[in-house]
N, C-alpha and C. Protein backbone atom coordinates (compact mmCIF):
# COMPACT_ATOMS: atom_id res chain seq x y z
N MET A 1 113.31 106.52 95.30
CA MET A 1 114.27 105.74 96.08
C MET A 1 113.50 104.88 97.11
N LYS A 2 112.57 105.50 97.79
CA LYS A 2 111.81 104.76 98.83
C LYS A 2 110.93 103.70 98.21
N GLY A 3 110.41 103.95 97.03
CA GLY A 3 109.48 103.03 96.39
C GLY A 3 110.17 101.85 95.77
N ILE A 4 111.45 101.97 95.41
CA ILE A 4 112.12 100.87 94.71
C ILE A 4 113.26 100.26 95.52
N LEU A 5 114.16 101.13 96.07
CA LEU A 5 115.35 100.59 96.74
C LEU A 5 115.04 99.88 98.05
N PHE A 6 114.25 100.47 98.91
CA PHE A 6 113.95 99.88 100.21
C PHE A 6 113.18 98.55 100.09
N PRO A 7 112.12 98.48 99.29
CA PRO A 7 111.48 97.17 99.11
C PRO A 7 112.43 96.12 98.50
N LEU A 8 113.27 96.54 97.57
CA LEU A 8 114.23 95.62 96.99
C LEU A 8 115.20 95.09 98.02
N LEU A 9 115.71 95.98 98.85
CA LEU A 9 116.62 95.55 99.94
C LEU A 9 115.87 94.66 100.92
N PHE A 10 114.62 94.98 101.26
CA PHE A 10 113.85 94.11 102.16
C PHE A 10 113.72 92.71 101.57
N ILE A 11 113.42 92.61 100.28
CA ILE A 11 113.24 91.33 99.65
C ILE A 11 114.57 90.56 99.65
N ILE A 12 115.66 91.22 99.31
CA ILE A 12 116.94 90.55 99.28
C ILE A 12 117.33 90.02 100.66
N PHE A 13 117.24 90.86 101.68
CA PHE A 13 117.66 90.41 102.99
C PHE A 13 116.65 89.40 103.59
N GLY A 14 115.37 89.54 103.25
CA GLY A 14 114.41 88.53 103.68
C GLY A 14 114.65 87.15 103.09
N LEU A 15 114.98 87.12 101.79
CA LEU A 15 115.30 85.84 101.14
C LEU A 15 116.61 85.28 101.67
N TRP A 16 117.55 86.15 102.01
CA TRP A 16 118.81 85.73 102.58
C TRP A 16 118.56 85.08 103.96
N MET A 17 117.69 85.71 104.78
CA MET A 17 117.37 85.16 106.08
C MET A 17 116.64 83.83 105.97
N MET A 18 115.72 83.71 105.00
CA MET A 18 114.96 82.47 104.80
C MET A 18 115.92 81.38 104.36
N ASN A 19 116.88 81.72 103.49
CA ASN A 19 117.85 80.72 103.04
C ASN A 19 118.71 80.23 104.22
N ASN A 20 119.15 81.15 105.07
CA ASN A 20 119.93 80.73 106.27
C ASN A 20 119.06 79.90 107.20
N PHE A 21 117.79 80.23 107.32
CA PHE A 21 116.89 79.47 108.17
C PHE A 21 116.74 78.04 107.65
N ARG A 22 116.57 77.91 106.33
CA ARG A 22 116.38 76.57 105.73
C ARG A 22 117.65 75.73 105.89
N LYS A 23 118.81 76.38 105.74
CA LYS A 23 120.08 75.66 105.89
C LYS A 23 120.25 75.14 107.31
N SER A 24 119.83 75.95 108.27
CA SER A 24 120.00 75.54 109.66
C SER A 24 119.01 74.44 110.07
N THR A 25 117.86 74.38 109.45
CA THR A 25 116.85 73.36 109.84
C THR A 25 117.00 72.11 109.03
N CYS A 26 117.78 72.10 107.93
CA CYS A 26 117.91 70.93 107.11
C CYS A 26 119.05 69.99 107.57
N ARG A 27 119.71 70.34 108.64
CA ARG A 27 120.77 69.48 109.11
C ARG A 27 120.15 68.21 109.74
N ILE A 28 120.77 67.11 109.47
CA ILE A 28 120.32 65.81 109.98
C ILE A 28 120.89 65.60 111.38
N MET A 29 120.01 65.31 112.33
CA MET A 29 120.44 65.10 113.68
C MET A 29 120.48 63.61 113.97
N ASN A 30 121.51 63.20 114.68
CA ASN A 30 121.63 61.85 115.12
C ASN A 30 121.03 61.78 116.55
N ILE A 31 119.78 61.34 116.63
CA ILE A 31 119.04 61.38 117.88
C ILE A 31 119.65 60.43 118.94
N SER A 32 120.26 59.36 118.50
CA SER A 32 120.82 58.44 119.46
C SER A 32 121.99 59.06 120.22
N SER A 33 122.65 60.01 119.62
CA SER A 33 123.80 60.64 120.31
C SER A 33 123.39 61.89 121.10
N LEU A 34 122.19 62.35 120.93
CA LEU A 34 121.68 63.52 121.65
C LEU A 34 120.77 63.09 122.78
N ARG A 35 120.78 63.92 123.79
CA ARG A 35 119.82 63.66 124.86
C ARG A 35 118.44 64.21 124.45
N LEU A 36 117.40 63.71 125.06
CA LEU A 36 116.04 64.16 124.73
C LEU A 36 115.82 65.64 125.01
N VAL A 37 116.44 66.15 126.08
CA VAL A 37 116.29 67.57 126.43
C VAL A 37 116.88 68.44 125.34
N GLN A 38 118.00 68.06 124.79
CA GLN A 38 118.61 68.88 123.74
C GLN A 38 117.74 68.86 122.49
N VAL A 39 117.13 67.73 122.20
CA VAL A 39 116.25 67.64 121.03
C VAL A 39 115.04 68.56 121.21
N ILE A 40 114.46 68.58 122.40
CA ILE A 40 113.28 69.42 122.67
C ILE A 40 113.70 70.90 122.60
N GLN A 41 114.84 71.26 123.13
CA GLN A 41 115.28 72.64 123.07
C GLN A 41 115.57 73.07 121.64
N ARG A 42 116.12 72.20 120.85
CA ARG A 42 116.38 72.52 119.44
C ARG A 42 115.06 72.69 118.69
N HIS A 43 114.09 71.85 119.00
CA HIS A 43 112.79 71.97 118.35
C HIS A 43 112.10 73.29 118.72
N ARG A 44 112.21 73.67 119.98
CA ARG A 44 111.64 74.96 120.39
C ARG A 44 112.34 76.12 119.69
N SER A 45 113.64 76.06 119.56
CA SER A 45 114.35 77.17 118.88
C SER A 45 113.99 77.19 117.41
N GLN A 46 113.74 76.04 116.78
CA GLN A 46 113.32 76.02 115.40
C GLN A 46 111.91 76.64 115.24
N LEU A 47 111.04 76.40 116.21
CA LEU A 47 109.70 76.99 116.17
C LEU A 47 109.80 78.51 116.32
N LYS A 48 110.68 78.98 117.21
CA LYS A 48 110.84 80.44 117.35
C LYS A 48 111.45 81.04 116.08
N ASP A 49 112.40 80.31 115.50
CA ASP A 49 112.97 80.81 114.22
C ASP A 49 111.92 80.89 113.14
N ARG A 50 111.05 79.92 113.09
CA ARG A 50 109.95 79.91 112.12
C ARG A 50 109.02 81.09 112.33
N GLU A 51 108.71 81.39 113.62
CA GLU A 51 107.87 82.55 113.93
C GLU A 51 108.54 83.85 113.50
N ILE A 52 109.86 83.95 113.72
CA ILE A 52 110.57 85.15 113.33
C ILE A 52 110.55 85.36 111.82
N VAL A 53 110.68 84.25 111.07
CA VAL A 53 110.65 84.34 109.60
C VAL A 53 109.26 84.75 109.15
N LEU A 54 108.21 84.19 109.79
CA LEU A 54 106.84 84.60 109.41
C LEU A 54 106.57 86.08 109.71
N ILE A 55 107.07 86.56 110.86
CA ILE A 55 106.93 87.97 111.19
C ILE A 55 107.66 88.84 110.19
N LEU A 56 108.88 88.37 109.80
CA LEU A 56 109.67 89.13 108.84
C LEU A 56 108.92 89.22 107.48
N LEU A 57 108.41 88.08 107.04
CA LEU A 57 107.70 88.05 105.76
C LEU A 57 106.44 88.95 105.82
N LYS A 58 105.75 88.94 106.92
CA LYS A 58 104.58 89.78 107.11
C LYS A 58 104.96 91.24 107.07
N ASP A 59 106.04 91.61 107.76
CA ASP A 59 106.47 93.03 107.78
C ASP A 59 106.92 93.48 106.37
N ILE A 60 107.64 92.65 105.67
CA ILE A 60 108.11 92.98 104.34
C ILE A 60 106.91 93.18 103.40
N SER A 61 106.01 92.22 103.41
CA SER A 61 104.88 92.27 102.47
C SER A 61 103.98 93.49 102.77
N LEU A 62 103.71 93.76 104.03
CA LEU A 62 102.88 94.94 104.38
C LEU A 62 103.58 96.23 103.98
N TYR A 63 104.87 96.31 104.23
CA TYR A 63 105.60 97.53 103.87
C TYR A 63 105.58 97.75 102.34
N ILE A 64 105.84 96.70 101.62
CA ILE A 64 105.86 96.84 100.13
C ILE A 64 104.49 97.20 99.59
N ILE A 65 103.45 96.55 100.10
CA ILE A 65 102.11 96.82 99.60
C ILE A 65 101.70 98.27 99.84
N PHE A 66 101.87 98.73 101.08
CA PHE A 66 101.38 100.07 101.43
C PHE A 66 102.31 101.16 100.92
N SER A 67 103.61 100.89 100.78
CA SER A 67 104.52 101.90 100.24
C SER A 67 104.34 102.03 98.72
N SER A 68 103.99 100.94 98.08
CA SER A 68 103.82 101.00 96.62
C SER A 68 102.60 101.86 96.23
N ILE A 69 101.63 101.93 97.13
CA ILE A 69 100.44 102.79 96.88
C ILE A 69 100.86 104.25 96.69
N MET A 70 101.72 104.74 97.59
CA MET A 70 102.14 106.12 97.52
C MET A 70 103.02 106.35 96.27
N SER A 71 103.86 105.38 95.93
CA SER A 71 104.68 105.50 94.75
C SER A 71 103.85 105.56 93.49
N MET A 72 102.79 104.75 93.45
CA MET A 72 101.92 104.80 92.29
C MET A 72 101.19 106.15 92.16
N ILE A 73 100.82 106.70 93.28
CA ILE A 73 100.15 108.03 93.29
C ILE A 73 101.09 109.09 92.79
N PHE A 74 102.37 109.05 93.22
CA PHE A 74 103.34 110.02 92.75
C PHE A 74 103.58 109.88 91.24
N ILE A 75 103.65 108.65 90.76
CA ILE A 75 103.84 108.47 89.32
C ILE A 75 102.64 108.98 88.52
N TYR A 76 101.44 108.73 89.06
CA TYR A 76 100.25 109.24 88.39
C TYR A 76 100.24 110.78 88.37
N GLU A 77 100.65 111.39 89.49
CA GLU A 77 100.67 112.87 89.52
C GLU A 77 101.69 113.41 88.55
N LEU A 78 102.85 112.76 88.39
CA LEU A 78 103.82 113.22 87.44
C LEU A 78 103.33 113.11 86.01
N ILE A 79 102.61 112.01 85.72
CA ILE A 79 102.06 111.83 84.38
C ILE A 79 101.01 112.86 84.01
N THR A 80 100.16 113.17 84.98
CA THR A 80 99.02 114.05 84.74
C THR A 80 99.25 115.50 85.19
N GLN A 81 100.46 115.90 85.44
CA GLN A 81 100.67 117.25 85.93
C GLN A 81 100.35 118.34 84.89
N ASP A 82 100.45 118.03 83.61
CA ASP A 82 100.11 119.01 82.57
C ASP A 82 98.63 118.97 82.18
N HIS A 83 97.93 117.99 82.65
CA HIS A 83 96.51 117.86 82.35
C HIS A 83 95.69 118.85 83.14
N ILE A 84 94.78 119.58 82.48
CA ILE A 84 93.93 120.54 83.18
C ILE A 84 92.73 119.76 83.75
N ASN A 85 92.60 119.82 85.05
CA ASN A 85 91.51 119.06 85.76
C ASN A 85 90.37 119.96 86.11
N LYS A 86 89.22 119.35 86.19
CA LYS A 86 88.03 120.04 86.73
C LYS A 86 88.15 120.03 88.24
N ILE A 87 87.30 120.77 88.88
CA ILE A 87 87.34 120.83 90.34
C ILE A 87 87.05 119.51 90.98
N GLN A 88 86.09 118.77 90.41
CA GLN A 88 85.75 117.45 90.96
C GLN A 88 86.94 116.50 90.84
N GLU A 89 87.62 116.54 89.72
CA GLU A 89 88.78 115.66 89.51
C GLU A 89 89.90 116.00 90.49
N LYS A 90 90.09 117.28 90.75
CA LYS A 90 91.11 117.70 91.70
C LYS A 90 90.76 117.21 93.12
N GLU A 91 89.50 117.35 93.47
CA GLU A 91 89.09 116.88 94.80
C GLU A 91 89.26 115.38 94.95
N ILE A 92 88.94 114.63 93.91
CA ILE A 92 89.16 113.19 93.96
C ILE A 92 90.63 112.84 94.10
N GLU A 93 91.48 113.57 93.35
CA GLU A 93 92.92 113.35 93.43
C GLU A 93 93.47 113.69 94.82
N TYR A 94 92.98 114.79 95.39
CA TYR A 94 93.38 115.14 96.75
C TYR A 94 92.97 114.06 97.76
N PHE A 95 91.75 113.57 97.60
CA PHE A 95 91.27 112.52 98.51
C PHE A 95 92.14 111.29 98.37
N ILE A 96 92.44 110.88 97.14
CA ILE A 96 93.26 109.68 96.93
C ILE A 96 94.65 109.93 97.47
N HIS A 97 95.18 111.11 97.30
CA HIS A 97 96.52 111.44 97.80
C HIS A 97 96.57 111.35 99.32
N TYR A 98 95.58 111.91 99.98
CA TYR A 98 95.57 111.86 101.45
C TYR A 98 95.33 110.44 101.96
N CYS A 99 94.52 109.67 101.28
CA CYS A 99 94.33 108.27 101.67
C CYS A 99 95.62 107.48 101.49
N SER A 100 96.37 107.76 100.43
CA SER A 100 97.63 107.05 100.24
C SER A 100 98.65 107.50 101.31
N MET A 101 98.61 108.74 101.71
CA MET A 101 99.51 109.19 102.79
C MET A 101 99.15 108.45 104.11
N PHE A 102 97.89 108.22 104.30
CA PHE A 102 97.45 107.46 105.48
C PHE A 102 97.93 106.02 105.38
N CYS A 103 97.88 105.43 104.18
CA CYS A 103 98.28 104.02 103.99
C CYS A 103 99.77 103.81 104.25
N VAL A 104 100.58 104.86 104.06
CA VAL A 104 102.02 104.71 104.27
C VAL A 104 102.30 104.43 105.77
N SER A 105 101.47 104.96 106.67
CA SER A 105 101.73 104.77 108.08
C SER A 105 101.16 103.43 108.63
N ILE A 106 100.34 102.75 107.85
CA ILE A 106 99.70 101.52 108.35
C ILE A 106 100.69 100.43 108.75
N PRO A 107 101.75 100.17 107.94
CA PRO A 107 102.67 99.08 108.35
C PRO A 107 103.33 99.30 109.71
N PHE A 108 103.55 100.53 110.07
CA PHE A 108 104.19 100.81 111.34
C PHE A 108 103.23 100.69 112.54
N CYS A 109 101.93 100.82 112.26
CA CYS A 109 100.91 100.76 113.33
C CYS A 109 100.32 99.38 113.49
N ILE A 110 100.28 98.60 112.45
CA ILE A 110 99.56 97.31 112.45
C ILE A 110 100.46 96.17 112.91
N GLY A 111 101.75 96.41 113.04
CA GLY A 111 102.69 95.35 113.39
C GLY A 111 102.35 94.60 114.68
N PHE A 112 101.92 95.34 115.69
CA PHE A 112 101.59 94.71 116.97
C PHE A 112 100.42 93.71 116.80
N TYR A 113 99.41 94.13 116.10
CA TYR A 113 98.20 93.31 115.96
C TYR A 113 98.45 92.07 115.08
N THR A 114 99.25 92.23 114.04
CA THR A 114 99.55 91.05 113.21
C THR A 114 100.49 90.12 113.92
N ASN A 115 101.39 90.65 114.72
CA ASN A 115 102.26 89.76 115.55
C ASN A 115 101.43 88.96 116.54
N LEU A 116 100.36 89.52 117.05
CA LEU A 116 99.48 88.78 117.96
C LEU A 116 98.86 87.59 117.26
N PHE A 117 98.51 87.73 115.98
CA PHE A 117 97.89 86.65 115.23
C PHE A 117 98.93 85.58 114.80
N ILE A 118 100.15 86.04 114.48
CA ILE A 118 101.11 85.11 113.94
C ILE A 118 101.89 84.33 114.99
N SER A 119 102.37 85.00 116.02
CA SER A 119 103.35 84.45 116.93
C SER A 119 102.74 84.04 118.27
N LYS A 120 102.82 82.77 118.57
CA LYS A 120 102.36 82.27 119.86
C LYS A 120 103.26 82.79 121.00
N THR A 121 104.54 82.88 120.77
CA THR A 121 105.46 83.40 121.76
C THR A 121 105.18 84.86 122.05
N PHE A 122 104.85 85.64 121.03
CA PHE A 122 104.52 87.03 121.22
C PHE A 122 103.25 87.18 122.07
N ARG A 123 102.25 86.34 121.77
CA ARG A 123 101.01 86.36 122.57
C ARG A 123 101.27 86.04 124.02
N GLN A 124 102.12 85.04 124.27
CA GLN A 124 102.44 84.68 125.64
C GLN A 124 103.18 85.81 126.37
N GLN A 125 104.08 86.47 125.69
CA GLN A 125 104.79 87.58 126.29
C GLN A 125 103.86 88.75 126.60
N VAL A 126 102.92 89.01 125.73
CA VAL A 126 101.96 90.08 125.97
C VAL A 126 101.07 89.70 127.16
N MET A 127 100.64 88.46 127.25
CA MET A 127 99.83 88.03 128.39
C MET A 127 100.62 88.11 129.67
N ASN A 128 101.92 87.83 129.64
CA ASN A 128 102.77 87.94 130.81
C ASN A 128 102.88 89.38 131.28
N ILE A 129 102.91 90.29 130.34
CA ILE A 129 102.99 91.74 130.68
C ILE A 129 101.72 92.16 131.41
N PHE A 130 100.54 91.67 130.92
CA PHE A 130 99.28 92.04 131.57
C PHE A 130 99.13 91.25 132.85
């Protein structure tokens, strides 16, 4: 369920958000009827929306990549459960299993650092905190 349903829902809702974002930015503005301040504020909000979409895509892709590793390990273990392994093979499987368990927690820990690289607004807010 975690390996198929959640990534599928993430992809569906991410595409839905990107579609809404594109619809909102494709509207034609009549600049002569708007004041310059309103145009600048709209441009800033579009940049923030773009940053949010990039952060969302980054979170979805990292979650899918690292969660799929654990799902693949579980499938491999189900396929080879009847196979008699040597001690070295078991040790290698344990090591890969524990590494994949570690990989599952990476998307939750790395979000802060990737947001620093992607979002200028996020960097500014972090600098304001310090």
